[in-house]
Amino acid sequence: MYRKAYGLTEKPFEITPDPRFVYLGEVHREALAHLRYAIQECKGFSVVTGEPGTGKTTLVHTLLEKLSGRVRTSYIFNPILERSDFLNYVCEDLGIPADQLKSRGQSLKALHGFLLNCFAADEKVFLIIDEAQSLEPELLQDVRLLTNLETSKNKLLHVILLGQPELNEILAEARFRPLKQRITVRHHLLPLSFEETRNYILHRLKAAGARNISIFTGAAIKEIYAYSKGIPRLINIVCDNALLTGFSADQGRIGKNIIRDVLVHLDGPKKVRKKWLWPVLLMLLAISVMLGIQEWAFHMGR
């Protein structure tokens, strides 16, 4: 709707992990380097944590895009699965026929055979689990056991766990010590700095074909950063709504007032603080006390 008005060929602030719009901050580049090392060296287990919206999923998609050679992936975006369904899901996602797999043992055998064939064909296989902090403890142990599928020199399956900070607390529990010992790469994604937030917005505008990348004023970017705290998903949501609001108001540039209007709508109706409530209650209490004293004095005087 607003693309033509702002000279854009496409919408710049969609929240899908499109590789063409990826902007990597310093922490993202560092995490990417660590993950690439773990994969090249066939290390097995990697863990990436971060607050919601900091770019964990985008980071992994970027990693897979940059890998040379052929890659097979099983991506679990909703880890709330029954143990009986988990292996079947992984097999089906990798293209292994699961119709004849009636037991966990059969699924495991089929997966092992598939991984050996991939290894012989020089293909890497990834199991990527998003929102891993939601995995049932037994299922998390099953994931650890999958890394036992290996040759004498190489891991056959790379596991990448993506999760919120609570995942670190779970992995610190004594029962997960064997899993924790297998983690070769661990990285926590921090939000973008103010300068990175500014560069992030400009980068996405450029990627969307903007002829003028100064659509957002400096004051507007400060407001966006103050609200988003540098979390890319929130930046996208605010900027997208701001462009729509600016278009509706026939504004060629997005200033801080438009951002503030957007934030009011995004936050939804807030409770109005009834500042008058306590004074009124105190007044009523005082009146009640005075009436009580008068009644007591009346009875004493009779």
Protein backbone atom coordinates (compact mmCIF):
# COMPACT_ATOMS: atom_id res chain seq x y z
CA MET A 1 0.00 0.00 0.00
CA TYR A 2 2.75 2.47 0.95
CA ARG A 3 5.54 1.17 -1.32
CA LYS A 4 5.01 3.52 -4.24
CA ALA A 5 4.69 6.56 -1.97
CA TYR A 6 8.13 5.90 -0.44
CA GLY A 7 9.85 4.67 -3.60
CA LEU A 8 10.09 1.05 -2.49
CA THR A 9 9.99 -2.01 -4.70
CA GLU A 10 8.86 -4.20 -1.81
CA LYS A 11 8.00 -4.02 1.87
CA PRO A 12 11.24 -3.62 3.86
CA PHE A 13 10.11 -4.65 7.33
CA GLU A 14 8.47 -8.04 6.99
CA ILE A 15 9.23 -10.33 9.94
CA THR A 16 10.01 -13.41 7.82
CA PRO A 17 13.72 -14.41 7.70
CA ASP A 18 14.38 -13.35 4.09
CA PRO A 19 18.17 -13.68 3.48
CA ARG A 20 18.16 -10.61 1.22
CA PHE A 21 17.20 -8.38 4.14
CA VAL A 22 19.54 -9.89 6.73
CA TYR A 23 21.58 -7.38 8.70
CA LEU A 24 24.17 -8.93 10.96
CA GLY A 25 25.22 -7.00 14.03
CA GLU A 26 28.50 -7.71 15.78
CA VAL A 27 27.02 -10.41 18.05
CA HIS A 28 25.33 -12.06 15.05
CA ARG A 29 28.58 -12.17 13.07
CA GLU A 30 30.39 -13.66 16.05
CA ALA A 31 27.70 -16.31 16.53
CA LEU A 32 27.76 -17.13 12.82
CA ALA A 33 31.54 -17.62 12.91
CA HIS A 34 31.25 -20.00 15.86
CA LEU A 35 28.47 -22.03 14.25
CA ARG A 36 30.35 -22.27 10.95
CA TYR A 37 33.40 -23.56 12.82
CA ALA A 38 31.36 -26.20 14.66
CA ILE A 39 29.86 -27.44 11.40
CA GLN A 40 33.12 -27.49 9.44
CA GLU A 41 34.77 -29.42 12.25
CA CYS A 42 31.74 -31.75 12.67
CA LYS A 43 31.39 -30.92 16.35
CA GLY A 44 27.74 -31.90 16.74
CA PHE A 45 25.88 -29.80 19.34
CA SER A 46 25.37 -26.02 19.17
CA VAL A 47 23.16 -23.82 21.32
CA VAL A 48 22.03 -20.29 20.49
CA THR A 49 19.96 -18.37 23.03
CA GLY A 50 18.46 -14.91 23.08
CA GLU A 51 15.36 -12.97 23.97
CA PRO A 52 12.36 -13.39 21.62
CA GLY A 53 12.86 -11.47 18.38
CA THR A 54 16.66 -11.07 18.57
CA GLY A 55 17.20 -13.02 15.34
CA LYS A 56 18.02 -16.61 16.33
CA THR A 57 16.03 -18.21 13.51
CA THR A 58 17.31 -15.67 10.97
CA LEU A 59 20.87 -16.45 12.05
CA VAL A 60 20.47 -20.17 11.36
CA HIS A 61 18.81 -19.55 7.98
CA THR A 62 21.77 -17.31 7.10
CA LEU A 63 24.18 -20.03 8.19
CA LEU A 64 22.53 -22.64 5.98
CA GLU A 65 22.52 -20.23 3.02
CA LYS A 66 26.27 -19.69 3.36
CA LEU A 67 27.27 -23.33 3.70
CA SER A 68 29.05 -24.80 0.72
CA GLY A 69 27.99 -28.23 -0.46
CA ARG A 70 24.67 -29.98 -0.05
CA VAL A 71 22.70 -29.73 3.16
CA ARG A 72 19.69 -31.66 4.49
CA THR A 73 17.66 -30.17 7.32
CA SER A 74 14.89 -31.16 9.66
CA TYR A 75 13.48 -28.02 11.21
CA ILE A 76 11.23 -28.36 14.26
CA PHE A 77 9.52 -25.05 14.94
CA ASN A 78 7.07 -26.44 17.49
CA PRO A 79 8.91 -28.79 19.85
CA ILE A 80 5.82 -29.76 21.87
CA LEU A 81 5.71 -33.30 20.49
CA GLU A 82 5.11 -36.72 21.97
CA ARG A 83 8.22 -38.88 22.17
CA SER A 84 6.54 -41.43 19.90
CA ASP A 85 5.97 -38.77 17.23
CA PHE A 86 9.35 -37.05 17.42
CA LEU A 87 11.49 -39.52 15.46
CA ASN A 88 8.77 -40.03 12.85
CA TYR A 89 8.55 -36.26 12.36
CA VAL A 90 12.32 -35.98 11.90
CA CYS A 91 12.34 -38.89 9.42
CA GLU A 92 9.46 -37.49 7.36
CA ASP A 93 11.00 -34.02 7.37
CA LEU A 94 14.24 -35.44 5.97
CA GLY A 95 12.33 -37.29 3.25
CA ILE A 96 12.65 -40.75 4.80
CA PRO A 97 9.49 -42.81 4.06
CA ALA A 98 7.83 -43.24 7.45
CA ASP A 99 4.83 -45.38 6.47
CA GLN A 100 6.48 -48.61 7.54
CA LEU A 101 8.06 -47.18 10.70
CA LYS A 102 5.88 -48.64 13.44
CA SER A 103 8.28 -48.32 16.37
CA ARG A 104 10.98 -46.00 17.69
CA GLY A 105 13.56 -48.69 16.96
CA GLN A 106 12.54 -48.87 13.29
CA SER A 107 12.60 -45.07 13.00
CA LEU A 108 16.05 -44.90 14.59
CA LYS A 109 17.38 -47.61 12.26
CA ALA A 110 15.96 -45.82 9.20
CA LEU A 111 17.45 -42.51 10.33
CA HIS A 112 20.86 -44.09 10.92
CA GLY A 113 20.87 -45.59 7.44
CA PHE A 114 19.86 -42.26 5.93
CA LEU A 115 22.64 -40.43 7.78
CA LEU A 116 25.25 -42.94 6.61
CA ASN A 117 24.13 -42.49 3.00
CA CYS A 118 24.32 -38.71 3.36
CA PHE A 119 27.80 -38.96 4.85
CA ALA A 120 28.93 -41.12 1.93
CA ALA A 121 27.52 -38.50 -0.48
CA ASP A 122 29.30 -35.69 1.42
CA GLU A 123 26.00 -34.19 2.59
CA LYS A 124 25.60 -32.57 5.98
CA VAL A 125 22.41 -33.18 7.99
CA PHE A 126 21.02 -30.71 10.51
CA LEU A 127 18.38 -31.09 13.16
CA ILE A 128 17.30 -27.57 14.11
CA ILE A 129 14.95 -27.18 17.06
CA ASP A 130 13.42 -23.77 17.68
CA GLU A 131 11.95 -22.78 21.05
CA ALA A 132 14.02 -25.61 22.55
CA GLN A 133 13.30 -24.42 26.08
CA SER A 134 9.82 -25.96 25.60
CA LEU A 135 11.15 -29.49 24.99
CA GLU A 136 10.01 -32.11 27.49
CA PRO A 137 13.00 -33.38 29.54
CA GLU A 138 12.68 -36.92 28.12
CA LEU A 139 12.61 -35.54 24.59
CA LEU A 140 15.69 -33.43 25.24
CA GLN A 141 17.48 -36.58 26.38
CA ASP A 142 16.37 -38.30 23.16
CA VAL A 143 17.90 -35.46 21.14
CA ARG A 144 21.19 -35.99 22.98
CA LEU A 145 21.14 -39.70 22.16
CA LEU A 146 20.75 -38.89 18.45
CA THR A 147 24.27 -37.46 18.49
CA ASN A 148 25.51 -40.97 19.25
CA LEU A 149 24.87 -41.66 15.57
CA GLU A 150 28.42 -41.22 14.30
CA THR A 151 31.33 -42.79 12.48
CA SER A 152 34.67 -43.36 14.16
CA LYS A 153 35.74 -39.84 13.18
CA ASN A 154 32.65 -37.78 12.37
CA LYS A 155 29.27 -36.86 13.76
CA LEU A 156 26.51 -37.83 11.34
CA LEU A 157 23.98 -35.37 12.71
CA HIS A 158 24.44 -31.71 13.65
CA VAL A 159 22.00 -30.46 16.28
CA ILE A 160 21.28 -26.76 16.72
CA LEU A 161 19.11 -25.77 19.66
CA LEU A 162 17.55 -22.30 19.52
CA GLY A 163 15.90 -21.02 22.65
CA GLN A 164 15.11 -18.26 25.06
CA PRO A 165 17.45 -17.63 28.04
CA GLU A 166 15.58 -20.23 30.12
CA LEU A 167 17.21 -22.91 27.96
CA ASN A 168 20.55 -22.17 29.66
CA GLU A 169 18.96 -22.80 33.06
CA ILE A 170 17.54 -26.12 31.86
CA LEU A 171 20.88 -27.27 30.45
CA ALA A 172 22.55 -26.37 33.75
CA GLU A 173 20.48 -29.01 35.59
CA ALA A 174 22.44 -32.04 36.81
CA ARG A 175 20.37 -34.49 34.75
CA PHE A 176 21.49 -32.78 31.53
CA ARG A 177 25.20 -32.85 32.35
CA PRO A 178 25.93 -35.42 29.59
CA LEU A 179 24.23 -33.16 27.05
CA LYS A 180 25.97 -30.03 28.32
CA GLN A 181 29.36 -31.73 27.90
CA ARG A 182 28.63 -32.25 24.19
CA ILE A 183 27.92 -28.59 23.45
CA THR A 184 30.84 -27.27 21.44
CA VAL A 185 29.33 -23.91 20.46
CA ARG A 186 27.26 -21.74 22.73
CA HIS A 187 26.27 -18.19 21.99
CA HIS A 188 23.85 -15.68 23.47
CA LEU A 189 22.43 -13.10 21.07
CA LEU A 190 22.18 -9.59 22.45
CA PRO A 191 19.88 -6.89 21.03
CA LEU A 192 21.27 -4.34 18.56
CA SER A 193 22.95 -1.18 19.81
CA PHE A 194 21.51 2.21 18.85
CA GLU A 195 23.98 2.58 15.97
CA GLU A 196 23.22 -0.95 14.80
CA THR A 197 19.49 -0.21 14.99
CA ARG A 198 19.99 2.80 12.74
CA ASN A 199 22.10 0.77 10.30
CA TYR A 200 19.55 -2.05 10.41
CA ILE A 201 16.74 0.28 9.32
CA LEU A 202 18.84 1.84 6.55
CA HIS A 203 20.01 -1.57 5.34
CA ARG A 204 16.46 -2.89 4.98
CA LEU A 205 15.32 0.25 3.19
CA LYS A 206 18.19 -0.15 0.71
CA ALA A 207 17.37 -3.84 0.21
CA ALA A 208 13.76 -2.85 -0.54
CA GLY A 209 14.92 -0.54 -3.33
CA ALA A 210 14.51 2.80 -1.55
CA ARG A 211 15.90 5.71 -3.56
CA ASN A 212 15.87 7.83 -0.40
CA ILE A 213 17.02 5.97 2.72
CA SER A 214 16.39 9.00 4.96
CA ILE A 215 12.68 8.19 5.25
CA PHE A 216 13.00 7.97 9.03
CA THR A 217 14.33 11.06 10.79
CA GLY A 218 17.04 10.79 13.43
CA ALA A 219 14.49 11.60 16.13
CA ALA A 220 12.19 8.85 14.83
CA ILE A 221 14.99 6.29 15.00
CA LYS A 222 15.70 7.31 18.60
CA GLU A 223 12.03 6.69 19.45
CA ILE A 224 12.14 3.31 17.70
CA TYR A 225 15.25 2.29 19.62
CA ALA A 226 13.83 3.47 22.95
CA TYR A 227 10.78 1.28 22.42
CA SER A 228 12.36 -1.78 20.78
CA LYS A 229 15.54 -1.87 22.89
CA GLY A 230 17.28 -3.03 19.70
CA ILE A 231 15.18 -6.18 19.17
CA PRO A 232 14.87 -6.64 15.38
CA ARG A 233 11.35 -8.06 15.40
CA LEU A 234 10.02 -5.05 17.31
CA ILE A 235 11.94 -2.69 15.03
CA ASN A 236 10.25 -4.29 12.02
CA ILE A 237 6.78 -4.05 13.52
CA VAL A 238 7.17 -0.38 14.49
CA CYS A 239 8.71 0.64 11.15
CA ASP A 240 6.10 -1.17 9.07
CA ASN A 241 3.26 0.46 10.99
CA ALA A 242 5.02 3.83 10.83
CA LEU A 243 5.24 3.68 7.03
CA LEU A 244 1.56 2.84 6.80
CA THR A 245 0.64 5.66 9.20
CA GLY A 246 2.89 8.12 7.36
CA PHE A 247 1.33 7.15 4.03
CA SER A 248 -2.18 7.57 5.42
CA ALA A 249 -1.25 11.04 6.74
CA ASP A 250 0.46 11.96 3.44
CA GLN A 251 3.82 12.45 5.17
CA GLY A 252 6.94 12.13 3.01
CA ARG A 253 9.15 11.46 6.04
CA ILE A 254 8.56 9.59 9.27
CA GLY A 255 9.14 11.80 12.30
CA LYS A 256 9.01 11.06 16.01
CA ASN A 257 5.34 12.09 16.30
CA ILE A 258 4.31 9.38 13.85
CA ILE A 259 6.36 6.83 15.82
CA ARG A 260 4.66 7.94 19.04
CA ASP A 261 1.23 7.57 17.45
CA VAL A 262 2.16 4.08 16.26
CA LEU A 263 3.38 3.07 19.72
CA VAL A 264 0.10 4.19 21.31
CA HIS A 265 -1.78 1.85 18.97
CA LEU A 266 0.68 -1.01 19.35
CA ASP A 267 0.60 -0.92 23.13
CA GLY A 268 -3.22 -0.92 23.12
CA PRO A 269 -5.47 0.83 25.62
CA LYS A 270 -3.77 1.42 28.92
CA LYS A 271 -5.35 1.64 32.30
CA VAL A 272 -6.06 5.23 33.18
CA ARG A 273 -4.49 6.06 36.47
CA LYS A 274 -7.21 7.36 38.71
CA LYS A 275 -5.11 9.92 40.57
CA TRP A 276 -8.26 11.33 42.17
CA LEU A 277 -9.19 8.00 43.78
CA TRP A 278 -6.98 8.13 46.89
CA PRO A 279 -7.89 11.73 47.84
CA VAL A 280 -11.59 10.86 47.54
CA LEU A 281 -11.18 7.75 49.66
CA LEU A 282 -9.29 9.72 52.31
CA MET A 283 -12.00 12.37 52.32
CA LEU A 284 -14.72 9.75 52.78
CA LEU A 285 -12.72 8.17 55.59
CA ALA A 286 -12.34 11.55 57.30
CA ILE A 287 -16.07 12.23 57.02
CA SER A 288 -16.85 8.79 58.46
CA VAL A 289 -14.51 9.43 61.39
CA MET A 290 -16.07 12.87 62.05
CA LEU A 291 -19.59 11.44 61.96
CA GLY A 292 -18.50 8.67 64.32
CA ILE A 293 -17.02 11.23 66.76
CA GLN A 294 -20.19 13.35 66.64
CA GLU A 295 -22.37 10.32 67.31
CA TRP A 296 -20.13 9.28 70.23
CA ALA A 297 -20.27 12.82 71.68
CA PHE A 298 -24.07 12.87 71.33
CA HIS A 299 -24.42 9.59 73.24
CA MET A 300 -21.99 10.76 75.93
CA GLY A 301 -23.97 13.96 76.44
CA ARG A 302 -27.31 12.22 77.01
